[in-house]
Amino acid sequence: QIFLKDGRYIRYDVAKDRADPGYPRPITDESWPGLAPDARQIAAT
């Protein structure tokens, strides 16, 4: 999971060595429950 500064994220497939289709997507309460209010505040994981 790769997080971007604009509050979106990219899911990357290690075995296929490429980003999954349809990304980046916004961090929402559906994609990341509990993280959406702070999606643009992520500094490190």
PDB file of all heavy atoms in Angstrom:
ATOM      1  N   GLN A   1       0.872  -1.171   0.000  1.00  0.00           N
ATOM      2  CA  GLN A   1       0.000   0.000   0.000  1.00  0.00           C
ATOM      3  C   GLN A   1       0.914   1.228   0.000  1.00  0.00           C
ATOM      4  O   GLN A   1       1.775   1.369   0.869  1.00  0.00           O
ATOM      5  CB  GLN A   1      -0.913   0.013   1.226  1.00  0.00           C
ATOM      6  CG  GLN A   1      -1.790  -1.222   1.381  1.00  0.00           C
ATOM      7  CD  GLN A   1      -2.979  -1.251   0.423  1.00  0.00           C
ATOM      8  OE1 GLN A   1      -3.082  -0.445  -0.502  1.00  0.00           O
ATOM      9  NE2 GLN A   1      -3.899  -2.174   0.661  1.00  0.00           N
ATOM     10  N   ILE A   2       0.722   2.098  -0.979  1.00  0.00           N
ATOM     11  CA  ILE A   2       1.567   3.274  -1.131  1.00  0.00           C
ATOM     12  C   ILE A   2       0.683   4.506  -0.998  1.00  0.00           C
ATOM     13  O   ILE A   2      -0.263   4.695  -1.768  1.00  0.00           O
ATOM     14  CB  ILE A   2       2.295   3.252  -2.487  1.00  0.00           C
ATOM     15  CG1 ILE A   2       3.185   2.010  -2.555  1.00  0.00           C
ATOM     16  CG2 ILE A   2       3.112   4.525  -2.692  1.00  0.00           C
ATOM     17  CD1 ILE A   2       3.816   1.765  -3.902  1.00  0.00           C
ATOM     18  N   PHE A   3       0.978   5.347  -0.006  1.00  0.00           N
ATOM     19  CA  PHE A   3       0.150   6.506   0.314  1.00  0.00           C
ATOM     20  C   PHE A   3       0.706   7.762  -0.345  1.00  0.00           C
ATOM     21  O   PHE A   3       1.925   7.991  -0.347  1.00  0.00           O
ATOM     22  CB  PHE A   3       0.069   6.692   1.828  1.00  0.00           C
ATOM     23  CG  PHE A   3      -0.551   5.526   2.548  1.00  0.00           C
ATOM     24  CD1 PHE A   3       0.250   4.500   3.044  1.00  0.00           C
ATOM     25  CD2 PHE A   3      -1.921   5.441   2.718  1.00  0.00           C
ATOM     26  CE1 PHE A   3      -0.322   3.415   3.700  1.00  0.00           C
ATOM     27  CE2 PHE A   3      -2.502   4.362   3.378  1.00  0.00           C
ATOM     28  CZ  PHE A   3      -1.700   3.343   3.863  1.00  0.00           C
ATOM     29  N   LEU A   4      -0.188   8.590  -0.885  1.00  0.00           N
ATOM     30  CA  LEU A   4       0.188   9.826  -1.560  1.00  0.00           C
ATOM     31  C   LEU A   4      -0.216  11.030  -0.717  1.00  0.00           C
ATOM     32  O   LEU A   4      -1.135  10.959   0.102  1.00  0.00           O
ATOM     33  CB  LEU A   4      -0.485   9.909  -2.928  1.00  0.00           C
ATOM     34  CG  LEU A   4      -0.261   8.706  -3.862  1.00  0.00           C
ATOM     35  CD1 LEU A   4      -1.017   8.914  -5.180  1.00  0.00           C
ATOM     36  CD2 LEU A   4       1.227   8.483  -4.126  1.00  0.00           C
ATOM     37  N   LYS A   5       0.452  12.153  -0.933  1.00  0.00           N
ATOM     38  CA  LYS A   5       0.231  13.329  -0.098  1.00  0.00           C
ATOM     39  C   LYS A   5      -1.135  13.967  -0.292  1.00  0.00           C
ATOM     40  O   LYS A   5      -1.572  14.758   0.547  1.00  0.00           O
ATOM     41  CB  LYS A   5       1.331  14.361  -0.339  1.00  0.00           C
ATOM     42  CG  LYS A   5       1.403  14.907  -1.747  1.00  0.00           C
ATOM     43  CD  LYS A   5       2.602  15.839  -1.872  1.00  0.00           C
ATOM     44  CE  LYS A   5       2.754  16.382  -3.269  1.00  0.00           C
ATOM     45  NZ  LYS A   5       3.967  17.254  -3.391  1.00  0.00           N
ATOM     46  N   ASP A   6      -1.839  13.634  -1.381  1.00  0.00           N
ATOM     47  CA  ASP A   6      -3.156  14.229  -1.622  1.00  0.00           C
ATOM     48  C   ASP A   6      -4.299  13.413  -1.030  1.00  0.00           C
ATOM     49  O   ASP A   6      -5.471  13.667  -1.312  1.00  0.00           O
ATOM     50  CB  ASP A   6      -3.386  14.447  -3.114  1.00  0.00           C
ATOM     51  CG  ASP A   6      -3.425  13.142  -3.916  1.00  0.00           C
ATOM     52  OD1 ASP A   6      -3.283  12.052  -3.312  1.00  0.00           O
ATOM     53  OD2 ASP A   6      -3.577  13.210  -5.147  1.00  0.00           O
ATOM     54  N   GLY A   7      -3.975  12.412  -0.203  1.00  0.00           N
ATOM     55  CA  GLY A   7      -5.015  11.618   0.448  1.00  0.00           C
ATOM     56  C   GLY A   7      -5.469  10.416  -0.349  1.00  0.00           C
ATOM     57  O   GLY A   7      -6.459   9.772   0.014  1.00  0.00           O
ATOM     58  N   ARG A   8      -4.748  10.063  -1.399  1.00  0.00           N
ATOM     59  CA  ARG A   8      -5.051   8.852  -2.155  1.00  0.00           C
ATOM     60  C   ARG A   8      -4.010   7.769  -1.858  1.00  0.00           C
ATOM     61  O   ARG A   8      -3.022   8.014  -1.178  1.00  0.00           O
ATOM     62  CB  ARG A   8      -5.077   9.152  -3.659  1.00  0.00           C
ATOM     63  CG  ARG A   8      -6.189  10.092  -4.080  1.00  0.00           C
ATOM     64  CD  ARG A   8      -6.210  10.301  -5.582  1.00  0.00           C
ATOM     65  NE  ARG A   8      -4.993  10.962  -6.063  1.00  0.00           N
ATOM     66  CZ  ARG A   8      -4.667  11.076  -7.356  1.00  0.00           C
ATOM     67  NH1 ARG A   8      -5.453  10.545  -8.283  1.00  0.00           N
ATOM     68  NH2 ARG A   8      -3.556  11.711  -7.711  1.00  0.00           N
ATOM     69  N   TYR A   9      -4.246   6.582  -2.376  1.00  0.00           N
ATOM     70  CA  TYR A   9      -3.322   5.474  -2.181  1.00  0.00           C
ATOM     71  C   TYR A   9      -3.292   4.604  -3.425  1.00  0.00           C
ATOM     72  O   TYR A   9      -4.215   4.607  -4.243  1.00  0.00           O
ATOM     73  CB  TYR A   9      -3.702   4.639  -0.948  1.00  0.00           C
ATOM     74  CG  TYR A   9      -4.921   3.764  -1.131  1.00  0.00           C
ATOM     75  CD1 TYR A   9      -4.793   2.385  -1.316  1.00  0.00           C
ATOM     76  CD2 TYR A   9      -6.205   4.297  -1.127  1.00  0.00           C
ATOM     77  CE1 TYR A   9      -5.917   1.574  -1.488  1.00  0.00           C
ATOM     78  CE2 TYR A   9      -7.324   3.502  -1.289  1.00  0.00           C
ATOM     79  CZ  TYR A   9      -7.185   2.137  -1.472  1.00  0.00           C
ATOM     80  OH  TYR A   9      -8.288   1.346  -1.654  1.00  0.00           O
ATOM     81  N   ILE A  10      -2.199   3.869  -3.568  1.00  0.00           N
ATOM     82  CA  ILE A  10      -2.001   2.942  -4.674  1.00  0.00           C
ATOM     83  C   ILE A  10      -1.722   1.562  -4.101  1.00  0.00           C
ATOM     84  O   ILE A  10      -0.912   1.420  -3.184  1.00  0.00           O
ATOM     85  CB  ILE A  10      -0.815   3.380  -5.561  1.00  0.00           C
ATOM     86  CG1 ILE A  10      -1.110   4.738  -6.214  1.00  0.00           C
ATOM     87  CG2 ILE A  10      -0.503   2.331  -6.627  1.00  0.00           C
ATOM     88  CD1 ILE A  10       0.080   5.349  -6.915  1.00  0.00           C
ATOM     89  N   ARG A  11      -2.389   0.560  -4.638  1.00  0.00           N
ATOM     90  CA  ARG A  11      -2.099  -0.820  -4.247  1.00  0.00           C
ATOM     91  C   ARG A  11      -1.184  -1.434  -5.307  1.00  0.00           C
ATOM     92  O   ARG A  11      -1.531  -1.445  -6.496  1.00  0.00           O
ATOM     93  CB  ARG A  11      -3.384  -1.630  -4.098  1.00  0.00           C
ATOM     94  CG  ARG A  11      -3.175  -2.993  -3.413  1.00  0.00           C
ATOM     95  CD  ARG A  11      -4.498  -3.695  -3.214  1.00  0.00           C
ATOM     96  NE  ARG A  11      -5.080  -4.087  -4.492  1.00  0.00           N
ATOM     97  CZ  ARG A  11      -6.368  -4.410  -4.661  1.00  0.00           C
ATOM     98  NH1 ARG A  11      -7.190  -4.370  -3.643  1.00  0.00           N
ATOM     99  NH2 ARG A  11      -6.817  -4.752  -5.857  1.00  0.00           N
ATOM    100  N   TYR A  12      -0.050  -1.925  -4.862  1.00  0.00           N
ATOM    101  CA  TYR A  12       0.962  -2.441  -5.781  1.00  0.00           C
ATOM    102  C   TYR A  12       1.076  -3.949  -5.620  1.00  0.00           C
ATOM    103  O   TYR A  12       1.156  -4.465  -4.497  1.00  0.00           O
ATOM    104  CB  TYR A  12       2.306  -1.772  -5.489  1.00  0.00           C
ATOM    105  CG  TYR A  12       3.318  -1.919  -6.595  1.00  0.00           C
ATOM    106  CD1 TYR A  12       3.405  -0.978  -7.612  1.00  0.00           C
ATOM    107  CD2 TYR A  12       4.204  -2.995  -6.619  1.00  0.00           C
ATOM    108  CE1 TYR A  12       4.345  -1.101  -8.633  1.00  0.00           C
ATOM    109  CE2 TYR A  12       5.134  -3.134  -7.636  1.00  0.00           C
ATOM    110  CZ  TYR A  12       5.201  -2.174  -8.639  1.00  0.00           C
ATOM    111  OH  TYR A  12       6.133  -2.300  -9.642  1.00  0.00           O
ATOM    112  N   ASP A  13       1.080  -4.672  -6.743  1.00  0.00           N
ATOM    113  CA  ASP A  13       1.177  -6.124  -6.745  1.00  0.00           C
ATOM    114  C   ASP A  13       2.648  -6.519  -6.861  1.00  0.00           C
ATOM    115  O   ASP A  13       3.288  -6.280  -7.886  1.00  0.00           O
ATOM    116  CB  ASP A  13       0.373  -6.698  -7.913  1.00  0.00           C
ATOM    117  CG  ASP A  13       0.219  -8.202  -7.834  1.00  0.00           C
ATOM    118  OD1 ASP A  13       1.252  -8.905  -7.755  1.00  0.00           O
ATOM    119  OD2 ASP A  13      -0.929  -8.693  -7.861  1.00  0.00           O
ATOM    120  N   VAL A  14       3.199  -7.113  -5.798  1.00  0.00           N
ATOM    121  CA  VAL A  14       4.618  -7.446  -5.785  1.00  0.00           C
ATOM    122  C   VAL A  14       4.926  -8.564  -6.779  1.00  0.00           C
ATOM    123  O   VAL A  14       5.925  -8.505  -7.512  1.00  0.00           O
ATOM    124  CB  VAL A  14       5.062  -7.849  -4.363  1.00  0.00           C
ATOM    125  CG1 VAL A  14       6.516  -8.307  -4.354  1.00  0.00           C
ATOM    126  CG2 VAL A  14       4.868  -6.682  -3.393  1.00  0.00           C
ATOM    127  N   ALA A  15       4.081  -9.597  -6.833  1.00  0.00           N
ATOM    128  CA  ALA A  15       4.337 -10.731  -7.722  1.00  0.00           C
ATOM    129  C   ALA A  15       4.319 -10.301  -9.190  1.00  0.00           C
ATOM    130  O   ALA A  15       5.174 -10.719  -9.985  1.00  0.00           O
ATOM    131  CB  ALA A  15       3.309 -11.832  -7.473  1.00  0.00           C
ATOM    132  N   LYS A  16       3.364  -9.453  -9.557  1.00  0.00           N
ATOM    133  CA  LYS A  16       3.267  -8.971 -10.945  1.00  0.00           C
ATOM    134  C   LYS A  16       4.158  -7.763 -11.201  1.00  0.00           C
ATOM    135  O   LYS A  16       4.351  -7.365 -12.353  1.00  0.00           O
ATOM    136  CB  LYS A  16       1.811  -8.623 -11.266  1.00  0.00           C
ATOM    137  CG  LYS A  16       0.869  -9.814 -11.229  1.00  0.00           C
ATOM    138  CD  LYS A  16      -0.565  -9.386 -11.515  1.00  0.00           C
ATOM    139  CE  LYS A  16      -1.506 -10.585 -11.462  1.00  0.00           C
ATOM    140  NZ  LYS A  16      -2.922 -10.196 -11.678  1.00  0.00           N
ATOM    141  N   ASP A  17       4.663  -7.178 -10.117  1.00  0.00           N
ATOM    142  CA  ASP A  17       5.550  -6.015 -10.189  1.00  0.00           C
ATOM    143  C   ASP A  17       4.923  -4.866 -10.975  1.00  0.00           C
ATOM    144  O   ASP A  17       5.506  -4.310 -11.906  1.00  0.00           O
ATOM    145  CB  ASP A  17       6.909  -6.390 -10.786  1.00  0.00           C
ATOM    146  CG  ASP A  17       7.978  -5.354 -10.465  1.00  0.00           C
ATOM    147  OD1 ASP A  17       7.752  -4.504  -9.573  1.00  0.00           O
ATOM    148  OD2 ASP A  17       9.045  -5.381 -11.108  1.00  0.00           O
ATOM    149  N   ARG A  18       3.745  -4.482 -10.548  1.00  0.00           N
ATOM    150  CA  ARG A  18       3.053  -3.339 -11.156  1.00  0.00           C
ATOM    151  C   ARG A  18       1.931  -2.889 -10.233  1.00  0.00           C
ATOM    152  O   ARG A  18       1.452  -3.659  -9.378  1.00  0.00           O
ATOM    153  CB  ARG A  18       2.478  -3.703 -12.527  1.00  0.00           C
ATOM    154  CG  ARG A  18       1.419  -4.796 -12.499  1.00  0.00           C
ATOM    155  CD  ARG A  18       0.691  -4.902 -13.815  1.00  0.00           C
ATOM    156  NE  ARG A  18      -0.241  -6.023 -13.877  1.00  0.00           N
ATOM    157  CZ  ARG A  18      -1.451  -6.023 -13.325  1.00  0.00           C
ATOM    158  NH1 ARG A  18      -1.864  -4.967 -12.640  1.00  0.00           N
ATOM    159  NH2 ARG A  18      -2.253  -7.079 -13.443  1.00  0.00           N
ATOM    160  N   ALA A  19       1.499  -1.637 -10.407  1.00  0.00           N
ATOM    161  CA  ALA A  19       0.349  -1.141  -9.662  1.00  0.00           C
ATOM    162  C   ALA A  19      -0.910  -1.852 -10.141  1.00  0.00           C
ATOM    163  O   ALA A  19      -1.056  -2.147 -11.331  1.00  0.00           O
ATOM    164  CB  ALA A  19       0.209   0.363  -9.851  1.00  0.00           C
ATOM    165  N   ASP A  20      -1.811  -2.144  -9.210  1.00  0.00           N
ATOM    166  CA  ASP A  20      -3.081  -2.749  -9.601  1.00  0.00           C
ATOM    167  C   ASP A  20      -3.903  -1.769 -10.428  1.00  0.00           C
ATOM    168  O   ASP A  20      -3.826  -0.548 -10.220  1.00  0.00           O
ATOM    169  CB  ASP A  20      -3.871  -3.163  -8.352  1.00  0.00           C
ATOM    170  CG  ASP A  20      -3.388  -4.478  -7.761  1.00  0.00           C
ATOM    171  OD1 ASP A  20      -2.588  -5.175  -8.423  1.00  0.00           O
ATOM    172  OD2 ASP A  20      -3.807  -4.811  -6.641  1.00  0.00           O
ATOM    173  N   PRO A  21      -4.699  -2.272 -11.367  1.00  0.00           N
ATOM    174  CA  PRO A  21      -5.538  -1.385 -12.192  1.00  0.00           C
ATOM    175  C   PRO A  21      -6.520  -0.593 -11.324  1.00  0.00           C
ATOM    176  O   PRO A  21      -7.000  -1.074 -10.299  1.00  0.00           O
ATOM    177  CB  PRO A  21      -6.279  -2.357 -13.108  1.00  0.00           C
ATOM    178  CG  PRO A  21      -5.446  -3.613 -13.116  1.00  0.00           C
ATOM    179  CD  PRO A  21      -4.832  -3.691 -11.756  1.00  0.00           C
ATOM    180  N   GLY A  22      -6.815   0.636 -11.765  1.00  0.00           N
ATOM    181  CA  GLY A  22      -7.820   1.456 -11.093  1.00  0.00           C
ATOM    182  C   GLY A  22      -7.303   2.322  -9.971  1.00  0.00           C
ATOM    183  O   GLY A  22      -8.092   2.987  -9.294  1.00  0.00           O
ATOM    184  N   TYR A  23      -5.994   2.350  -9.769  1.00  0.00           N
ATOM    185  CA  TYR A  23      -5.387   3.167  -8.719  1.00  0.00           C
ATOM    186  C   TYR A  23      -4.600   4.302  -9.351  1.00  0.00           C
ATOM    187  O   TYR A  23      -4.159   4.166 -10.490  1.00  0.00           O
ATOM    188  CB  TYR A  23      -4.483   2.302  -7.836  1.00  0.00           C
ATOM    189  CG  TYR A  23      -5.251   1.330  -6.971  1.00  0.00           C
ATOM    190  CD1 TYR A  23      -5.669   0.096  -7.485  1.00  0.00           C
ATOM    191  CD2 TYR A  23      -5.603   1.653  -5.665  1.00  0.00           C
ATOM    192  CE1 TYR A  23      -6.392  -0.790  -6.694  1.00  0.00           C
ATOM    193  CE2 TYR A  23      -6.316   0.769  -4.870  1.00  0.00           C
ATOM    194  CZ  TYR A  23      -6.709  -0.446  -5.395  1.00  0.00           C
ATOM    195  OH  TYR A  23      -7.436  -1.328  -4.619  1.00  0.00           O
ATOM    196  N   PRO A  24      -4.447   5.420  -8.571  1.00  0.00           N
ATOM    197  CA  PRO A  24      -4.773   5.629  -7.152  1.00  0.00           C
ATOM    198  C   PRO A  24      -6.268   5.830  -6.906  1.00  0.00           C
ATOM    199  O   PRO A  24      -7.015   6.220  -7.800  1.00  0.00           O
ATOM    200  CB  PRO A  24      -3.989   6.895  -6.792  1.00  0.00           C
ATOM    201  CG  PRO A  24      -3.802   7.614  -8.074  1.00  0.00           C
ATOM    202  CD  PRO A  24      -3.715   6.578  -9.138  1.00  0.00           C
ATOM    203  N   ARG A  25      -6.654   5.550  -5.665  1.00  0.00           N
ATOM    204  CA  ARG A  25      -8.022   5.747  -5.197  1.00  0.00           C
ATOM    205  C   ARG A  25      -8.005   6.592  -3.930  1.00  0.00           C
ATOM    206  O   ARG A  25      -7.016   6.601  -3.200  1.00  0.00           O
ATOM    207  CB  ARG A  25      -8.687   4.402  -4.895  1.00  0.00           C
ATOM    208  CG  ARG A  25      -8.866   3.492  -6.108  1.00  0.00           C
ATOM    209  CD  ARG A  25      -9.511   2.173  -5.706  1.00  0.00           C
ATOM    210  NE  ARG A  25      -9.662   1.273  -6.834  1.00  0.00           N
ATOM    211  CZ  ARG A  25     -10.143   0.034  -6.753  1.00  0.00           C
ATOM    212  NH1 ARG A  25     -10.511  -0.441  -5.549  1.00  0.00           N
ATOM    213  NH2 ARG A  25     -10.241  -0.732  -7.826  1.00  0.00           N
ATOM    214  N   PRO A  26      -9.099   7.294  -3.649  1.00  0.00           N
ATOM    215  CA  PRO A  26      -9.134   8.092  -2.416  1.00  0.00           C
ATOM    216  C   PRO A  26      -9.246   7.220  -1.176  1.00  0.00           C
ATOM    217  O   PRO A  26      -9.854   6.142  -1.214  1.00  0.00           O
ATOM    218  CB  PRO A  26     -10.381   8.957  -2.607  1.00  0.00           C
ATOM    219  CG  PRO A  26     -11.238   8.191  -3.554  1.00  0.00           C
ATOM    220  CD  PRO A  26     -10.304   7.468  -4.478  1.00  0.00           C
ATOM    221  N   ILE A  27      -8.639   7.672  -0.089  1.00  0.00           N
ATOM    222  CA  ILE A  27      -8.823   7.024   1.205  1.00  0.00           C
ATOM    223  C   ILE A  27     -10.160   7.476   1.761  1.00  0.00           C
ATOM    224  O   ILE A  27     -10.365   8.655   2.047  1.00  0.00           O
ATOM    225  CB  ILE A  27      -7.678   7.405   2.164  1.00  0.00           C
ATOM    226  CG1 ILE A  27      -6.366   6.815   1.658  1.00  0.00           C
ATOM    227  CG2 ILE A  27      -7.973   6.906   3.582  1.00  0.00           C
ATOM    228  CD1 ILE A  27      -5.152   7.256   2.444  1.00  0.00           C
ATOM    229  N   THR A  28     -11.094   6.548   1.882  1.00  0.00           N
ATOM    230  CA  THR A  28     -12.443   6.841   2.358  1.00  0.00           C
ATOM    231  C   THR A  28     -12.783   5.908   3.516  1.00  0.00           C
ATOM    232  O   THR A  28     -12.003   5.010   3.860  1.00  0.00           O
ATOM    233  CB  THR A  28     -13.475   6.644   1.239  1.00  0.00           C
ATOM    234  OG1 THR A  28     -13.514   5.238   0.886  1.00  0.00           O
ATOM    235  CG2 THR A  28     -13.110   7.453  -0.010  1.00  0.00           C
ATOM    236  N   ASP A  29     -13.965   6.087   4.075  1.00  0.00           N
ATOM    237  CA  ASP A  29     -14.396   5.198   5.155  1.00  0.00           C
ATOM    238  C   ASP A  29     -14.728   3.804   4.645  1.00  0.00           C
ATOM    239  O   ASP A  29     -14.860   2.868   5.445  1.00  0.00           O
ATOM    240  CB  ASP A  29     -15.604   5.795   5.882  1.00  0.00           C
ATOM    241  CG  ASP A  29     -15.185   6.869   6.875  1.00  0.00           C
ATOM    242  OD1 ASP A  29     -14.060   6.781   7.401  1.00  0.00           O
ATOM    243  OD2 ASP A  29     -15.979   7.799   7.109  1.00  0.00           O
ATOM    244  N   GLU A  30     -14.852   3.656   3.344  1.00  0.00           N
ATOM    245  CA  GLU A  30     -15.061   2.328   2.780  1.00  0.00           C
ATOM    246  C   GLU A  30     -13.737   1.632   2.495  1.00  0.00           C
ATOM    247  O   GLU A  30     -13.587   0.444   2.756  1.00  0.00           O
ATOM    248  CB  GLU A  30     -15.890   2.427   1.494  1.00  0.00           C
ATOM    249  CG  GLU A  30     -17.329   2.870   1.728  1.00  0.00           C
ATOM    250  CD  GLU A  30     -18.132   2.896   0.446  1.00  0.00           C
ATOM    251  OE1 GLU A  30     -17.538   2.661  -0.634  1.00  0.00           O
ATOM    252  OE2 GLU A  30     -19.346   3.138   0.520  1.00  0.00           O
ATOM    253  N   SER A  31     -12.772   2.371   1.964  1.00  0.00           N
ATOM    254  CA  SER A  31     -11.495   1.743   1.603  1.00  0.00           C
ATOM    255  C   SER A  31     -10.569   1.586   2.807  1.00  0.00           C
ATOM    256  O   SER A  31      -9.831   0.599   2.900  1.00  0.00           O
ATOM    257  CB  SER A  31     -10.805   2.554   0.504  1.00  0.00           C
ATOM    258  OG  SER A  31     -10.570   3.891   0.924  1.00  0.00           O
ATOM    259  N   TRP A  32     -10.603   2.560   3.734  1.00  0.00           N
ATOM    260  CA  TRP A  32      -9.752   2.531   4.928  1.00  0.00           C
ATOM    261  C   TRP A  32     -10.583   3.012   6.118  1.00  0.00           C
ATOM    262  O   TRP A  32     -10.445   4.158   6.557  1.00  0.00           O
ATOM    263  CB  TRP A  32      -8.526   3.425   4.752  1.00  0.00           C
ATOM    264  CG  TRP A  32      -7.511   2.884   3.794  1.00  0.00           C
ATOM    265  CD1 TRP A  32      -7.487   3.062   2.437  1.00  0.00           C
ATOM    266  CD2 TRP A  32      -6.372   2.085   4.116  1.00  0.00           C
ATOM    267  NE1 TRP A  32      -6.411   2.425   1.896  1.00  0.00           N
ATOM    268  CE2 TRP A  32      -5.699   1.819   2.892  1.00  0.00           C
ATOM    269  CE3 TRP A  32      -5.852   1.579   5.302  1.00  0.00           C
ATOM    270  CZ2 TRP A  32      -4.534   1.047   2.840  1.00  0.00           C
ATOM    271  CZ3 TRP A  32      -4.689   0.817   5.249  1.00  0.00           C
ATOM    272  CH2 TRP A  32      -4.048   0.558   4.042  1.00  0.00           C
ATOM    273  N   PRO A  33     -11.445   2.172   6.675  1.00  0.00           N
ATOM    274  CA  PRO A  33     -12.322   2.601   7.767  1.00  0.00           C
ATOM    275  C   PRO A  33     -11.561   3.188   8.947  1.00  0.00           C
ATOM    276  O   PRO A  33     -10.671   2.553   9.507  1.00  0.00           O
ATOM    277  CB  PRO A  33     -13.048   1.301   8.158  1.00  0.00           C
ATOM    278  CG  PRO A  33     -13.027   0.459   6.919  1.00  0.00           C
ATOM    279  CD  PRO A  33     -11.714   0.774   6.271  1.00  0.00           C
ATOM    280  N   GLY A  34     -11.907   4.447   9.292  1.00  0.00           N
ATOM    281  CA  GLY A  34     -11.285   5.117  10.421  1.00  0.00           C
ATOM    282  C   GLY A  34     -10.114   5.994  10.065  1.00  0.00           C
ATOM    283  O   GLY A  34      -9.605   6.727  10.916  1.00  0.00           O
ATOM    284  N   LEU A  35      -9.680   5.949   8.804  1.00  0.00           N
ATOM    285  CA  LEU A  35      -8.499   6.714   8.392  1.00  0.00           C
ATOM    286  C   LEU A  35      -8.843   7.951   7.566  1.00  0.00           C
ATOM    287  O   LEU A  35      -8.034   8.881   7.471  1.00  0.00           O
ATOM    288  CB  LEU A  35      -7.562   5.806   7.588  1.00  0.00           C
ATOM    289  CG  LEU A  35      -6.169   6.335   7.224  1.00  0.00           C
ATOM    290  CD1 LEU A  35      -5.421   6.811   8.455  1.00  0.00           C
ATOM    291  CD2 LEU A  35      -5.368   5.254   6.497  1.00  0.00           C
ATOM    292  N   ALA A  36     -10.024   7.986   7.000  1.00  0.00           N
ATOM    293  CA  ALA A  36     -10.403   9.040   6.055  1.00  0.00           C
ATOM    294  C   ALA A  36     -10.213  10.463   6.587  1.00  0.00           C
ATOM    295  O   ALA A  36      -9.695  11.322   5.865  1.00  0.00           O
ATOM    296  CB  ALA A  36     -11.846   8.836   5.588  1.00  0.00           C
ATOM    297  N   PRO A  37     -10.608  10.792   7.845  1.00  0.00           N
ATOM    298  CA  PRO A  37     -10.444  12.182   8.314  1.00  0.00           C
ATOM    299  C   PRO A  37      -8.987  12.664   8.329  1.00  0.00           C
ATOM    300  O   PRO A  37      -8.738  13.874   8.312  1.00  0.00           O
ATOM    301  CB  PRO A  37     -11.022  12.149   9.730  1.00  0.00           C
ATOM    302  CG  PRO A  37     -11.936  10.976   9.758  1.00  0.00           C
ATOM    303  CD  PRO A  37     -11.286   9.968   8.865  1.00  0.00           C
ATOM    304  N   ASP A  38      -8.051  11.736   8.353  1.00  0.00           N
ATOM    305  CA  ASP A  38      -6.639  12.101   8.450  1.00  0.00           C
ATOM    306  C   ASP A  38      -5.841  11.667   7.228  1.00  0.00           C
ATOM    307  O   ASP A  38      -4.611  11.566   7.274  1.00  0.00           O
ATOM    308  CB  ASP A  38      -6.029  11.472   9.706  1.00  0.00           C
ATOM    309  CG  ASP A  38      -6.731  11.922  10.969  1.00  0.00           C
ATOM    310  OD1 ASP A  38      -6.606  13.105  11.305  1.00  0.00           O
ATOM    311  OD2 ASP A  38      -7.404  11.086  11.599  1.00  0.00           O
ATOM    312  N   ALA A  39      -6.527  11.457   6.110  1.00  0.00           N
ATOM    313  CA  ALA A  39      -5.878  10.911   4.918  1.00  0.00           C
ATOM    314  C   ALA A  39      -4.750  11.796   4.402  1.00  0.00           C
ATOM    315  O   ALA A  39      -3.746  11.296   3.891  1.00  0.00           O
ATOM    316  CB  ALA A  39      -6.917  10.699   3.815  1.00  0.00           C
ATOM    317  N   ARG A  40      -4.895  13.103   4.537  1.00  0.00           N
ATOM    318  CA  ARG A  40      -3.861  14.027   4.054  1.00  0.00           C
ATOM    319  C   ARG A  40      -2.808  14.334   5.119  1.00  0.00           C
ATOM    320  O   ARG A  40      -1.895  15.139   4.869  1.00  0.00           O
ATOM    321  CB  ARG A  40      -4.506  15.330   3.580  1.00  0.00           C
ATOM    322  CG  ARG A  40      -5.393  15.169   2.340  1.00  0.00           C
ATOM    323  CD  ARG A  40      -6.100  16.469   2.013  1.00  0.00           C
ATOM    324  NE  ARG A  40      -6.962  16.332   0.861  1.00  0.00           N
ATOM    325  CZ  ARG A  40      -6.619  16.663  -0.390  1.00  0.00           C
ATOM    326  NH1 ARG A  40      -5.417  17.173  -0.612  1.00  0.00           N
ATOM    327  NH2 ARG A  40      -7.466  16.505  -1.389  1.00  0.00           N
ATOM    328  N   GLN A  41      -2.948  13.734   6.291  1.00  0.00           N
ATOM    329  CA  GLN A  41      -2.020  13.996   7.396  1.00  0.00           C
ATOM    330  C   GLN A  41      -1.008  12.879   7.607  1.00  0.00           C
ATOM    331  O   GLN A  41      -0.198  12.942   8.531  1.00  0.00           O
ATOM    332  CB  GLN A  41      -2.816  14.196   8.690  1.00  0.00           C
ATOM    333  CG  GLN A  41      -3.728  15.403   8.681  1.00  0.00           C
ATOM    334  CD  GLN A  41      -2.936  16.697   8.540  1.00  0.00           C
ATOM    335  OE1 GLN A  41      -1.916  16.895   9.200  1.00  0.00           O
ATOM    336  NE2 GLN A  41      -3.394  17.581   7.663  1.00  0.00           N
ATOM    337  N   ILE A  42      -1.012  11.868   6.748  1.00  0.00           N
ATOM    338  CA  ILE A  42      -0.117  10.725   6.941  1.00  0.00           C
ATOM    339  C   ILE A  42       1.333  11.144   6.710  1.00  0.00           C
ATOM    340  O   ILE A  42       1.670  11.726   5.678  1.00  0.00           O
ATOM    341  CB  ILE A  42      -0.501   9.576   5.991  1.00  0.00           C
ATOM    342  CG1 ILE A  42      -1.905   9.054   6.335  1.00  0.00           C
ATOM    343  CG2 ILE A  42       0.520   8.437   6.087  1.00  0.00           C
ATOM    344  CD1 ILE A  42      -2.436   8.042   5.341  1.00  0.00           C
ATOM    345  N   ALA A  43       2.180  10.848   7.695  1.00  0.00           N
ATOM    346  CA  ALA A  43       3.603  11.169   7.600  1.00  0.00           C
ATOM    347  C   ALA A  43       4.458   9.918   7.423  1.00  0.00           C
ATOM    348  O   ALA A  43       5.482   9.952   6.733  1.00  0.00           O
ATOM    349  CB  ALA A  43       4.060  11.911   8.854  1.00  0.00           C
ATOM    350  N   ALA A  44       4.054   8.807   8.034  1.00  0.00           N
ATOM    351  CA  ALA A  44       4.841   7.574   7.960  1.00  0.00           C
ATOM    352  C   ALA A  44       3.973   6.402   8.390  1.00  0.00           C
ATOM    353  O   ALA A  44       2.996   6.582   9.138  1.00  0.00           O
ATOM    354  CB  ALA A  44       6.080   7.666   8.853  1.00  0.00           C
ATOM    355  N   THR A  45       4.314   5.219   7.934  1.00  0.00           N
ATOM    356  CA  THR A  45       3.626   3.998   8.350  1.00  0.00           C
ATOM    357  C   THR A  45       4.666   2.957   8.758  1.00  0.00           C
ATOM    358  O   THR A  45       5.782   2.949   8.238  1.00  0.00           O
ATOM    359  CB  THR A  45       2.743   3.429   7.230  1.00  0.00           C
ATOM    360  OG1 THR A  45       3.552   3.173   6.068  1.00  0.00           O
ATOM    361  CG2 THR A  45       1.631   4.392   6.870  1.00  0.00           C
TER     362      THR A  45
END
